[in-house]
Amino acid sequence: MAVTSVEMAGGKTRRGAAVLLEVLRSEGVEYIFGNPGTTELPLIDALLEVPNVHYVLGLQEASVVAMADGYAQAARKPAFLNLHTAGGLGHGMGNLLNASVSQTPLVVTAGQQDSRHTISDPLLFGDLVQIARPAVKWAQEVAHADQLPVLLRRAFHDSTAAPTGPVFLSLPMDVMEEMSSVDIGEPSNINRQAVAGGLPELARALTSLRPGKVAIIAGDEVYASDAAAEVAAVAECLGAPVYGSSWPSRIPFATAHPLWCGNLPTQATGIAEKLSGYDAIFALGGKSLITILYTEGPALPPSCAVYQMSSDVRDLGRTFWTPLSVVGDIRASLQALLPMLQQAAAPQRAAYAASGQKVAEARRAQRAQAVAEVLAHPVDAVISPRVAAWETVRAIGPDIAIVDEAIATSSDVRLFLESAWSAQYSFLRGGALGWGMPAAVGASLGLGRDRVVSLVGDGAALYSPQALWTAAHEKLPVTFVVMNNCEYNVLKNFMRQQNNYISAQEGTYPAMDIVDPKIDYQALARSMGVPSSRVTRAADIAPTLEAALATDGPALVEIMIAAG
């Protein structure tokens, strides 16, 4: 019997879409997040033969990208998503930029028109590589099915290499249909836990400063490195307060820890004031001092030295001069640094302990004052954002993941968090609205379909409400909490903080009120299969939320909060 070319090649012949799915399975992919169109039909058809890769349907590409983002963050591994041609990539671009800023590892693909007729400018055709390039680490189009194993594995590798982030592959329809006998090979095992150099010098520098004069900033990279315990050990050794980033993707530190001092302000003057009492900061991870509105002066006092540790060399010394910063994986490097710090700090152990005690007492006093303020207004006719935040956090408790895009209450929510779980809280770091609700859906999948609470402002809820349908369709226990003040409150507050806006002086804000007509979030939720309820009294927040959290599937709770 004659030997066929396929047998001689030692592999089976199958379509490019099947090759792609083989690679995904070998890379441990559980879910494909997508919204299919004509160019994705080969992939959808191939899924029939791969039952252990589940397609998560989003009804709009912006939601699809954010679902993948939430999944990747929660699961701590790259997510795979598939968009539809130039238009679908365009729909998803806002949340793709969010993922880029948050440095979320994503393998982003989009179906491309059949390359055999792109010369005739067919419908839906566009230069996907050029469209994607500003929002990803790199972008490339697959030319042949035989290229899929190498390019896909490269995409998974590079999305997780520092700096982590999205990468993009364009998948022409004819490549997905092309027959191939290519061998997909095996996934590579790459250990990225490099220990930084210069640690003895860093230990000497940090312990040469007086106890109480070093502040630690736990950036998002602490979460990515799973280094919360190591950061706590370093903070306890130095008796140092631990602050979070000014505009975080995560709170990567246990909010119940006595040395946790909350997130830094979002304006340079506020950050400088908060750090004015320190001689140095030890910044773990980059991009921790993000500012929003311009204010006069730098975010760091000139007398405050910057020591930094990051796996991304580009962030070291980028904005502020540093006498010493080191490149390495944060967890592995802190584990190596800690015994050096303990030895160098031993002669002043009592002074470091006293410093830590002082930090803990100040933190307790700050939180007690905020709680007392809330308890002084339990039956106000209108629910203030702080009261809403307190009651909501109290109902959620310390063990349920929170995905926050409710800007009007976010600072108060972070103030009241009290959890030993350093992965409880995530936030919209990219700043482009429409991330929170679908990210919560993805987070639930990334946590093994566990319960998640999505806190979202009324304005942000209108960007990606399609997430409600996916949560219902997947029967996920996601509770959506809409903080509704019927306005773009954060914009009004920004204008009030300035002295030169006529709108603030007259109390009239064009295009900032979501009224006439008001949005019926109850009907919106029910139309997508999600039960809903509305709260107008502070006393009803906790019991309503507790009831929603006790359900098996998704629910929506709308809380009416004070405007202005």
Protein backbone atom coordinates (compact mmCIF):
# COMPACT_ATOMS: atom_id res chain seq x y z
CA MET A 1 0.00 0.00 0.00
CA ALA A 2 1.30 3.44 -0.95
CA VAL A 3 2.27 5.86 1.82
CA THR A 4 0.43 9.16 1.60
CA SER A 5 2.15 12.48 2.00
CA VAL A 6 0.19 13.04 5.22
CA GLU A 7 1.48 9.79 6.70
CA MET A 8 5.02 10.62 5.61
CA ALA A 9 4.73 13.98 7.31
CA GLY A 10 3.72 12.17 10.47
CA GLY A 11 0.60 14.24 11.14
CA LYS A 12 -3.06 14.47 10.26
CA THR A 13 -4.45 16.97 7.81
CA ARG A 14 -7.02 19.39 9.22
CA ARG A 15 -8.20 22.96 8.74
CA GLY A 16 -6.36 25.92 10.17
CA ALA A 17 -9.18 26.53 12.66
CA ALA A 18 -8.64 23.04 14.07
CA VAL A 19 -4.89 23.70 14.34
CA LEU A 20 -5.65 26.88 16.28
CA LEU A 21 -7.87 25.00 18.72
CA GLU A 22 -5.25 22.29 19.22
CA VAL A 23 -2.75 24.96 20.24
CA LEU A 24 -5.25 26.60 22.57
CA ARG A 25 -5.98 23.30 24.31
CA SER A 26 -2.25 22.64 24.76
CA GLU A 27 -1.85 26.12 26.27
CA GLY A 28 -4.57 25.39 28.84
CA VAL A 29 -7.21 27.70 27.36
CA GLU A 30 -10.66 27.09 28.86
CA TYR A 31 -12.62 29.87 27.23
CA ILE A 32 -12.78 31.78 23.97
CA PHE A 33 -14.40 35.17 24.47
CA GLY A 34 -16.00 36.37 21.29
CA ASN A 35 -18.77 37.70 19.10
CA PRO A 36 -18.79 35.80 15.79
CA GLY A 37 -19.29 37.04 12.25
CA THR A 38 -18.76 35.58 8.81
CA THR A 39 -14.97 35.49 9.06
CA GLU A 40 -15.20 33.48 12.30
CA LEU A 41 -17.39 30.71 10.87
CA PRO A 42 -14.50 28.23 10.40
CA LEU A 43 -13.55 28.64 14.07
CA ILE A 44 -17.15 28.29 15.29
CA ASP A 45 -17.58 25.15 13.17
CA ALA A 46 -14.34 23.63 14.49
CA LEU A 47 -15.53 24.11 18.08
CA LEU A 48 -18.04 21.29 17.59
CA GLU A 49 -15.15 18.83 17.84
CA VAL A 50 -13.52 20.47 20.87
CA PRO A 51 -16.10 20.35 23.69
CA ASN A 52 -13.63 21.27 26.45
CA VAL A 53 -12.99 24.76 25.03
CA HIS A 54 -16.06 26.84 25.83
CA TYR A 55 -17.10 29.81 23.70
CA VAL A 56 -18.32 32.70 25.87
CA LEU A 57 -20.67 34.80 23.78
CA GLY A 58 -20.63 38.55 24.27
CA LEU A 59 -23.18 40.64 22.40
CA GLN A 60 -20.77 43.45 21.56
CA GLU A 61 -17.00 43.48 21.14
CA ALA A 62 -16.35 46.08 23.85
CA SER A 63 -17.94 43.67 26.32
CA VAL A 64 -15.97 40.75 24.85
CA VAL A 65 -12.60 42.46 25.45
CA ALA A 66 -13.47 43.44 29.02
CA MET A 67 -14.72 39.93 29.82
CA ALA A 68 -11.38 38.55 28.67
CA ASP A 69 -9.58 41.23 30.71
CA GLY A 70 -11.51 40.34 33.88
CA TYR A 71 -10.87 36.64 33.31
CA ALA A 72 -7.13 37.09 32.74
CA GLN A 73 -6.74 39.18 35.89
CA ALA A 74 -8.73 36.79 38.07
CA ALA A 75 -7.22 33.58 36.65
CA ARG A 76 -3.70 35.09 36.55
CA LYS A 77 -3.06 33.80 33.03
CA PRO A 78 -3.58 35.04 29.47
CA ALA A 79 -7.10 35.11 28.07
CA PHE A 80 -7.92 34.35 24.44
CA LEU A 81 -10.48 36.40 22.54
CA ASN A 82 -11.74 36.52 18.99
CA LEU A 83 -13.24 39.65 17.41
CA HIS A 84 -14.85 40.22 14.02
CA THR A 85 -12.99 42.14 11.30
CA ALA A 86 -12.16 45.83 11.37
CA GLY A 87 -15.51 46.94 12.75
CA GLY A 88 -15.41 44.51 15.66
CA LEU A 89 -11.83 45.43 16.48
CA GLY A 90 -12.92 49.06 16.43
CA HIS A 91 -15.80 48.33 18.81
CA GLY A 92 -13.39 46.69 21.23
CA MET A 93 -10.65 49.32 21.01
CA GLY A 94 -11.64 51.28 24.15
CA ASN A 95 -11.42 48.24 26.39
CA LEU A 96 -8.34 47.03 24.52
CA LEU A 97 -6.68 50.31 25.51
CA ASN A 98 -7.86 49.68 29.09
CA ALA A 99 -6.18 46.26 28.99
CA SER A 100 -3.00 47.79 27.63
CA VAL A 101 -2.84 50.37 30.43
CA SER A 102 -3.62 47.68 33.02
CA GLN A 103 -0.98 45.43 31.42
CA THR A 104 -3.44 42.54 31.20
CA PRO A 105 -2.05 39.53 29.28
CA LEU A 106 -4.43 38.94 26.36
CA VAL A 107 -4.09 37.04 23.10
CA VAL A 108 -6.38 39.06 20.87
CA THR A 109 -7.42 37.74 17.48
CA ALA A 110 -9.78 39.04 14.84
CA GLY A 111 -11.19 37.37 11.77
CA GLN A 112 -9.98 38.94 8.53
CA GLN A 113 -11.49 38.80 5.07
CA ASP A 114 -10.36 36.02 2.73
CA SER A 115 -6.96 37.24 1.52
CA ARG A 116 -7.67 36.02 -2.01
CA HIS A 117 -10.06 38.89 -2.69
CA THR A 118 -8.76 41.72 -0.49
CA ILE A 119 -7.46 43.39 -3.66
CA SER A 120 -11.08 44.19 -4.53
CA ASP A 121 -11.79 45.93 -1.20
CA PRO A 122 -14.52 43.54 0.03
CA LEU A 123 -17.01 44.38 2.74
CA LEU A 124 -15.56 44.38 6.30
CA PHE A 125 -11.96 44.44 5.10
CA GLY A 126 -9.46 46.67 6.88
CA ASP A 127 -5.81 46.77 7.88
CA LEU A 128 -6.31 45.02 11.22
CA VAL A 129 -2.62 45.05 12.10
CA GLN A 130 -2.40 48.83 11.79
CA ILE A 131 -5.71 49.35 13.63
CA ALA A 132 -4.60 47.18 16.56
CA ARG A 133 -0.96 48.29 16.78
CA PRO A 134 -1.38 51.36 19.08
CA ALA A 135 -3.13 49.25 21.74
CA VAL A 136 -0.99 46.09 21.79
CA LYS A 137 2.61 44.99 22.29
CA TRP A 138 2.79 43.73 18.72
CA ALA A 139 0.43 42.88 15.90
CA GLN A 140 0.79 40.49 12.97
CA GLU A 141 -1.34 38.77 10.35
CA VAL A 142 -1.09 35.00 9.90
CA ALA A 143 -0.26 34.22 6.27
CA HIS A 144 -0.55 30.41 6.28
CA ALA A 145 -2.09 27.77 8.52
CA ASP A 146 1.35 26.26 9.09
CA GLN A 147 2.37 29.49 10.89
CA LEU A 148 -0.34 29.16 13.54
CA PRO A 149 1.56 27.09 16.14
CA VAL A 150 4.61 29.35 16.20
CA LEU A 151 2.69 32.64 16.15
CA LEU A 152 0.11 31.55 18.72
CA ARG A 153 2.74 30.27 21.14
CA ARG A 154 4.72 33.46 20.61
CA ALA A 155 1.59 35.44 21.43
CA PHE A 156 1.01 33.54 24.68
CA HIS A 157 4.69 33.90 25.65
CA ASP A 158 4.95 37.60 24.88
CA SER A 159 1.65 38.56 26.53
CA THR A 160 3.08 37.32 29.85
CA ALA A 161 6.61 38.73 29.42
CA ALA A 162 7.35 42.03 31.15
CA PRO A 163 5.74 44.37 30.52
CA THR A 164 2.70 42.12 30.27
CA GLY A 165 -0.10 43.15 27.95
CA PRO A 166 -2.22 42.33 24.89
CA VAL A 167 -0.82 41.02 21.62
CA PHE A 168 -2.76 40.73 18.35
CA LEU A 169 -3.10 38.25 15.49
CA SER A 170 -5.18 38.79 12.37
CA LEU A 171 -6.75 35.55 11.10
CA PRO A 172 -7.78 35.62 7.42
CA MET A 173 -10.75 33.41 6.64
CA ASP A 174 -8.84 31.41 4.01
CA VAL A 175 -6.07 30.66 6.56
CA MET A 176 -8.69 29.28 8.93
CA GLU A 177 -10.02 27.05 6.13
CA GLU A 178 -6.64 26.04 4.71
CA MET A 179 -5.67 22.37 5.16
CA SER A 180 -2.49 21.73 7.15
CA SER A 181 -0.58 18.79 8.60
CA VAL A 182 1.66 20.97 10.76
CA ASP A 183 2.86 19.59 14.11
CA ILE A 184 1.82 21.98 16.90
CA GLY A 185 4.65 20.87 19.21
CA GLU A 186 4.55 21.38 22.97
CA PRO A 187 4.19 24.51 25.15
CA SER A 188 7.49 25.95 26.37
CA ASN A 189 8.16 26.24 30.08
CA ILE A 190 9.64 29.67 30.80
CA ASN A 191 10.53 30.69 34.35
CA ARG A 192 10.24 34.47 34.59
CA GLN A 193 10.96 34.72 38.34
CA ALA A 194 14.29 36.49 37.99
CA VAL A 195 15.81 37.76 41.23
CA ALA A 196 16.99 41.36 41.04
CA GLY A 197 20.60 42.34 41.45
CA GLY A 198 21.76 45.02 43.88
CA LEU A 199 19.70 43.71 46.80
CA PRO A 200 22.41 44.08 49.48
CA GLU A 201 22.81 47.75 48.49
CA LEU A 202 19.03 48.18 48.51
CA ALA A 203 18.76 46.68 52.00
CA ARG A 204 21.46 49.00 53.30
CA ALA A 205 19.82 52.04 51.68
CA LEU A 206 16.36 51.33 53.11
CA THR A 207 17.66 50.63 56.63
CA SER A 208 19.95 53.65 56.62
CA LEU A 209 16.85 55.85 56.84
CA ARG A 210 15.23 56.57 60.18
CA PRO A 211 12.38 54.24 61.22
CA GLY A 212 9.07 55.73 60.13
CA LYS A 213 10.60 57.63 57.22
CA VAL A 214 10.07 55.04 54.48
CA ALA A 215 6.72 54.49 52.79
CA ILE A 216 5.98 51.45 50.63
CA ILE A 217 3.81 51.74 47.54
CA ALA A 218 2.25 48.44 46.50
CA GLY A 219 1.62 48.78 42.78
CA ASP A 220 -0.39 46.53 40.49
CA GLU A 221 2.66 44.40 39.78
CA VAL A 222 2.48 43.08 43.34
CA TYR A 223 -0.78 41.37 42.38
CA ALA A 224 0.62 40.00 39.12
CA SER A 225 3.58 38.57 41.02
CA ASP A 226 1.36 37.23 43.85
CA ALA A 227 3.66 38.96 46.32
CA ALA A 228 1.23 40.30 48.95
CA ALA A 229 2.71 38.17 51.75
CA GLU A 230 6.25 39.27 50.89
CA VAL A 231 5.25 42.95 50.82
CA ALA A 232 3.63 42.54 54.24
CA ALA A 233 6.79 40.95 55.63
CA VAL A 234 8.96 43.80 54.33
CA ALA A 235 6.53 46.41 55.70
CA GLU A 236 6.50 44.73 59.12
CA CYS A 237 10.29 44.57 59.17
CA LEU A 238 10.58 48.31 58.45
CA GLY A 239 7.48 49.39 60.40
CA ALA A 240 6.46 51.12 57.16
CA PRO A 241 3.03 52.18 55.94
CA VAL A 242 1.80 50.54 52.74
CA TYR A 243 -0.04 52.74 50.23
CA GLY A 244 -1.78 51.66 47.05
CA SER A 245 -1.45 53.27 43.63
CA SER A 246 -3.26 56.53 43.04
CA TRP A 247 -5.37 55.01 40.24
CA PRO A 248 -5.05 51.24 40.68
CA SER A 249 -5.97 48.19 38.71
CA ARG A 250 -5.86 46.16 41.92
CA ILE A 251 -5.50 46.58 45.64
CA PRO A 252 -2.74 43.96 45.90
CA PHE A 253 -2.46 44.06 49.69
CA ALA A 254 -4.73 42.83 52.47
CA THR A 255 -6.92 45.78 53.43
CA ALA A 256 -7.31 44.32 56.93
CA HIS A 257 -3.55 44.49 57.52
CA PRO A 258 -2.72 47.11 60.19
CA LEU A 259 -0.08 48.76 57.98
CA TRP A 260 -2.44 49.30 55.02
CA CYS A 261 -2.98 53.06 54.62
CA GLY A 262 -5.21 53.22 51.54
CA ASN A 263 -4.63 54.47 48.03
CA LEU A 264 -2.79 57.67 47.22
CA PRO A 265 -4.69 60.71 45.89
CA THR A 266 -5.05 61.32 42.15
CA GLN A 267 -3.54 64.83 41.98
CA ALA A 268 0.14 65.66 42.26
CA THR A 269 -0.36 68.13 45.10
CA GLY A 270 -2.33 65.57 47.08
CA ILE A 271 0.28 62.87 46.57
CA ALA A 272 3.08 65.25 47.57
CA GLU A 273 1.20 66.21 50.72
CA LYS A 274 0.60 62.57 51.66
CA LEU A 275 4.29 61.69 51.16
CA SER A 276 5.77 64.87 52.61
CA GLY A 277 6.62 63.22 55.92
CA TYR A 278 8.84 60.56 54.38
CA ASP A 279 12.47 60.62 53.33
CA ALA A 280 11.98 57.83 50.78
CA ILE A 281 9.46 55.63 49.07
CA PHE A 282 9.96 52.01 48.10
CA ALA A 283 7.76 51.59 45.03
CA LEU A 284 6.96 48.00 44.08
CA GLY A 285 5.93 47.98 40.44
CA GLY A 286 5.59 50.89 38.08
CA LYS A 287 3.01 53.54 37.26
CA SER A 288 1.86 53.98 40.85
CA LEU A 289 1.62 57.79 40.81
CA ILE A 290 -0.94 58.32 38.03
CA THR A 291 -2.49 61.79 38.13
CA ILE A 292 -5.68 63.04 36.47
CA LEU A 293 -6.07 66.81 36.56
CA TYR A 294 -2.95 68.97 36.40
CA THR A 295 -1.82 70.71 39.58
CA GLU A 296 1.28 72.82 40.13
CA GLY A 297 4.36 70.99 41.34
CA PRO A 298 5.67 67.41 41.28
CA ALA A 299 3.93 64.44 42.87
CA LEU A 300 6.97 63.72 45.02
CA PRO A 301 8.61 66.19 47.40
CA PRO A 302 12.20 66.96 46.26
CA SER A 303 13.55 65.55 49.52
CA CYS A 304 11.86 62.18 49.03
CA ALA A 305 14.14 59.59 47.42
CA VAL A 306 12.72 56.91 45.13
CA TYR A 307 13.70 53.27 45.42
CA GLN A 308 11.89 50.96 43.06
CA MET A 309 11.57 47.29 42.15
CA SER A 310 9.92 46.15 38.94
CA SER A 311 10.17 43.45 36.31
CA ASP A 312 9.75 46.19 33.67
CA VAL A 313 13.01 48.09 33.27
CA ARG A 314 11.25 50.88 31.38
CA ASP A 315 9.53 52.09 34.57
CA LEU A 316 12.71 52.58 36.58
CA GLY A 317 13.79 56.20 36.73
CA ARG A 318 11.17 57.07 34.11
CA THR A 319 9.78 60.17 35.84
CA PHE A 320 11.72 60.62 39.09
CA TRP A 321 15.44 60.34 39.79
CA THR A 322 16.34 57.25 41.78
CA PRO A 323 19.51 56.59 43.78
CA LEU A 324 18.90 52.85 43.34
CA SER A 325 16.21 50.79 41.63
CA VAL A 326 16.35 47.13 40.68
CA VAL A 327 14.91 44.92 37.95
CA GLY A 328 13.38 41.58 38.88
CA ASP A 329 10.27 39.63 39.71
CA ILE A 330 8.80 41.25 42.82
CA ARG A 331 7.93 38.10 44.75
CA ALA A 332 11.20 36.30 44.10
CA SER A 333 13.25 39.45 44.70
CA LEU A 334 11.50 40.35 47.96
CA GLN A 335 12.01 36.81 49.22
CA ALA A 336 15.74 37.29 48.61
CA LEU A 337 15.74 40.83 50.03
CA LEU A 338 13.86 40.09 53.26
CA PRO A 339 16.63 38.29 55.21
CA MET A 340 19.05 41.06 54.26
CA LEU A 341 16.58 43.67 55.53
CA GLN A 342 15.95 41.76 58.76
CA GLN A 343 19.67 41.52 59.47
CA ALA A 344 20.30 45.20 58.68
CA ALA A 345 17.25 46.32 60.70
CA ALA A 346 18.01 44.18 63.77
CA PRO A 347 19.86 46.89 65.76
CA GLN A 348 16.76 49.14 65.58
CA ARG A 349 14.09 46.45 65.83
CA ALA A 350 12.26 48.22 68.67
CA ALA A 351 12.18 51.52 66.79
CA TYR A 352 10.76 49.83 63.66
CA ALA A 353 8.10 48.09 65.78
CA ALA A 354 7.13 51.41 67.37
CA SER A 355 6.85 52.98 63.93
CA GLY A 356 4.55 50.19 62.77
CA GLN A 357 2.38 50.57 65.86
CA LYS A 358 2.02 54.29 65.19
CA VAL A 359 0.95 53.61 61.58
CA ALA A 360 -1.62 51.05 62.73
CA GLU A 361 -3.10 53.41 65.31
CA ALA A 362 -3.46 56.20 62.76
CA ARG A 363 -5.17 53.83 60.32
CA ARG A 364 -7.64 52.64 62.96
CA ALA A 365 -8.46 56.23 63.90
CA GLN A 366 -9.05 57.25 60.28
CA ARG A 367 -11.40 54.35 59.64
CA ALA A 368 -13.25 54.84 62.94
CA GLN A 369 -13.84 58.50 62.08
CA ALA A 370 -15.25 57.55 58.66
CA VAL A 371 -17.55 54.92 60.19
CA ALA A 372 -18.73 57.39 62.84
CA GLU A 373 -19.57 59.88 60.09
CA VAL A 374 -21.65 57.24 58.33
CA LEU A 375 -23.46 56.16 61.46
CA ALA A 376 -24.42 59.79 62.12
CA HIS A 377 -26.56 59.78 58.95
CA PRO A 378 -28.43 56.45 58.99
CA VAL A 379 -31.87 57.78 58.02
CA ASP A 380 -31.13 60.74 55.75
CA ALA A 381 -33.75 61.25 53.07
CA VAL A 382 -31.08 60.94 50.38
CA ILE A 383 -28.33 58.31 50.44
CA SER A 384 -24.87 59.90 50.35
CA PRO A 385 -22.12 58.14 48.38
CA ARG A 386 -20.20 57.41 51.60
CA VAL A 387 -23.22 55.84 53.28
CA ALA A 388 -23.92 53.79 50.16
CA ALA A 389 -20.30 52.61 50.10
CA TRP A 390 -20.35 51.63 53.78
CA GLU A 391 -23.59 49.68 53.57
CA THR A 392 -22.51 47.98 50.34
CA VAL A 393 -19.10 46.90 51.63
CA ARG A 394 -20.70 45.72 54.87
CA ALA A 395 -23.12 43.51 52.94
CA ILE A 396 -20.47 42.12 50.59
CA GLY A 397 -18.09 41.15 53.37
CA PRO A 398 -14.41 40.22 53.10
CA ASP A 399 -14.58 37.10 50.94
CA ILE A 400 -16.38 38.10 47.72
CA ALA A 401 -14.47 39.57 44.77
CA ILE A 402 -15.31 43.17 43.87
CA VAL A 403 -14.93 44.69 40.40
CA ASP A 404 -15.38 48.45 40.73
CA GLU A 405 -16.32 51.01 38.10
CA ALA A 406 -18.52 53.23 40.28
CA ILE A 407 -16.36 56.35 40.38
CA ALA A 408 -18.72 58.31 42.65
CA THR A 409 -18.25 55.78 45.47
CA SER A 410 -14.93 54.12 44.67
CA SER A 411 -12.75 56.08 47.09
CA ASP A 412 -15.22 55.43 49.93
CA VAL A 413 -15.50 51.75 49.04
CA ARG A 414 -11.72 51.43 49.26
CA LEU A 415 -11.76 53.26 52.59
CA PHE A 416 -14.14 50.73 54.14
CA LEU A 417 -12.63 47.51 52.77
CA GLU A 418 -11.44 45.21 55.55
CA SER A 419 -10.30 41.89 54.11
CA ALA A 420 -7.43 39.49 54.63
CA TRP A 421 -7.75 38.53 50.95
CA SER A 422 -5.28 40.59 48.91
CA ALA A 423 -7.09 39.79 45.64
CA GLN A 424 -10.55 41.00 46.63
CA TYR A 425 -10.65 44.33 44.78
CA SER A 426 -10.06 45.39 41.18
CA PHE A 427 -10.67 48.75 39.52
CA LEU A 428 -10.77 50.53 36.16
CA ARG A 429 -7.16 51.60 35.73
CA GLY A 430 -7.44 52.43 32.02
CA GLY A 431 -10.11 55.08 32.56
CA ALA A 432 -12.26 54.28 29.49
CA LEU A 433 -15.77 53.49 30.73
CA GLY A 434 -17.54 50.25 29.90
CA TRP A 435 -15.06 47.88 31.51
CA GLY A 436 -16.59 47.01 34.87
CA MET A 437 -19.73 44.97 34.17
CA PRO A 438 -18.20 42.63 31.56
CA ALA A 439 -14.94 42.41 33.54
CA ALA A 440 -16.98 41.09 36.48
CA VAL A 441 -18.43 38.39 34.22
CA GLY A 442 -14.91 37.39 33.16
CA ALA A 443 -13.69 37.53 36.75
CA SER A 444 -16.35 35.06 37.83
CA LEU A 445 -15.22 32.64 35.12
CA GLY A 446 -11.58 33.18 36.12
CA LEU A 447 -12.44 32.34 39.73
CA GLY A 448 -14.10 29.07 38.77
CA ARG A 449 -17.58 30.59 38.37
CA ASP A 450 -17.40 32.01 41.88
CA ARG A 451 -19.47 34.92 43.15
CA VAL A 452 -18.44 38.44 42.12
CA VAL A 453 -19.92 41.88 42.80
CA SER A 454 -19.80 44.48 40.05
CA LEU A 455 -20.00 48.04 41.37
CA VAL A 456 -20.83 50.37 38.50
CA GLY A 457 -21.94 53.96 38.07
CA ASP A 458 -25.15 54.66 36.21
CA GLY A 459 -23.26 56.30 33.34
CA ALA A 460 -20.71 53.48 33.06
CA ALA A 461 -23.50 50.88 33.12
CA LEU A 462 -24.76 52.19 29.78
CA TYR A 463 -21.51 51.43 27.94
CA SER A 464 -21.56 47.63 28.22
CA PRO A 465 -24.97 46.50 29.51
CA GLN A 466 -24.67 43.45 27.22
CA ALA A 467 -22.71 41.87 30.08
CA LEU A 468 -26.04 41.29 31.82
CA TRP A 469 -27.13 38.90 29.08
CA THR A 470 -23.88 36.93 29.16
CA ALA A 471 -24.08 36.62 32.95
CA ALA A 472 -27.63 35.26 32.64
CA HIS A 473 -26.75 33.01 29.71
CA GLU A 474 -23.78 31.52 31.58
CA LYS A 475 -25.76 31.41 34.86
CA LEU A 476 -22.97 33.21 36.69
CA PRO A 477 -23.40 34.47 40.28
CA VAL A 478 -22.55 38.08 39.46
CA THR A 479 -24.39 40.78 41.42
CA PHE A 480 -24.43 44.10 39.56
CA VAL A 481 -24.78 47.12 41.86
CA VAL A 482 -25.64 50.32 40.00
CA MET A 483 -24.81 53.46 41.99
CA ASN A 484 -27.31 55.83 40.36
CA ASN A 485 -27.05 59.59 40.80
CA CYS A 486 -28.57 60.33 37.37
CA GLU A 487 -25.53 62.35 36.34
CA TYR A 488 -21.84 62.37 35.44
CA ASN A 489 -20.97 63.29 39.01
CA VAL A 490 -17.20 62.96 38.67
CA LEU A 491 -17.16 65.56 35.88
CA LYS A 492 -19.22 68.03 37.89
CA ASN A 493 -16.90 67.58 40.84
CA PHE A 494 -13.84 68.22 38.68
CA MET A 495 -15.41 71.47 37.50
CA ARG A 496 -16.28 72.51 41.06
CA GLN A 497 -12.65 72.06 42.09
CA GLN A 498 -11.57 74.74 39.60
CA ASN A 499 -12.17 78.47 39.87
CA ASN A 500 -12.64 79.26 36.20
CA TYR A 501 -15.65 77.21 35.09
CA ILE A 502 -18.86 79.15 34.52
CA SER A 503 -20.86 75.90 34.83
CA ALA A 504 -19.71 75.44 38.43
CA GLN A 505 -20.42 79.08 39.31
CA GLU A 506 -23.94 78.92 37.91
CA GLY A 507 -24.69 75.32 38.89
CA THR A 508 -25.58 74.41 35.30
CA TYR A 509 -23.73 71.55 33.61
CA PRO A 510 -24.55 70.92 29.95
CA ALA A 511 -24.56 67.26 28.85
CA MET A 512 -23.89 65.87 32.34
CA ASP A 513 -27.36 64.77 33.50
CA ILE A 514 -28.84 61.40 32.58
CA VAL A 515 -32.48 62.49 32.79
CA ASP A 516 -35.38 63.38 30.50
CA PRO A 517 -35.88 60.50 30.21
CA LYS A 518 -34.31 58.69 33.16
CA ILE A 519 -32.91 55.24 32.48
CA ASP A 520 -35.00 52.33 33.75
CA TYR A 521 -32.24 49.98 34.93
CA GLN A 522 -34.82 47.58 36.32
CA ALA A 523 -36.37 47.09 32.89
CA LEU A 524 -32.92 46.95 31.28
CA ALA A 525 -31.87 44.10 33.58
CA ARG A 526 -35.12 42.19 33.17
CA SER A 527 -34.91 42.48 29.37
CA MET A 528 -31.66 40.49 29.54
CA GLY A 529 -32.91 37.87 31.96
CA VAL A 530 -31.53 39.34 35.18
CA PRO A 531 -33.81 39.93 38.20
CA SER A 532 -33.51 43.41 39.67
CA SER A 533 -34.44 45.60 42.61
CA ARG A 534 -34.22 49.28 43.51
CA VAL A 535 -33.13 50.82 46.81
CA THR A 536 -33.97 54.35 47.95
CA ARG A 537 -33.30 54.04 51.71
CA ALA A 538 -29.91 53.39 53.29
CA ALA A 539 -31.39 50.87 55.72
CA ASP A 540 -32.50 48.72 52.79
CA ILE A 541 -29.10 48.48 51.07
CA ALA A 542 -27.59 45.65 53.13
CA PRO A 543 -30.66 43.37 53.25
CA THR A 544 -31.36 43.86 49.54
CA LEU A 545 -27.76 43.10 48.62
CA GLU A 546 -27.63 40.10 50.95
CA ALA A 547 -30.74 38.68 49.26
CA ALA A 548 -29.21 39.22 45.82
CA LEU A 549 -25.96 37.58 46.91
CA ALA A 550 -27.88 34.54 48.12
CA THR A 551 -29.27 33.78 44.64
CA ASP A 552 -27.69 31.17 42.39
CA GLY A 553 -27.40 33.38 39.31
CA PRO A 554 -26.99 37.05 38.45
CA ALA A 555 -28.96 39.93 39.94
CA LEU A 556 -28.99 43.71 39.66
CA VAL A 557 -29.46 46.12 42.56
CA GLU A 558 -29.91 49.81 41.80
CA ILE A 559 -29.02 52.18 44.64
CA MET A 560 -30.22 55.76 44.33
CA ILE A 561 -27.47 58.02 45.69
CA ALA A 562 -27.24 61.77 46.14
CA ALA A 563 -26.36 63.91 43.17
CA GLY A 564 -24.08 66.91 43.35
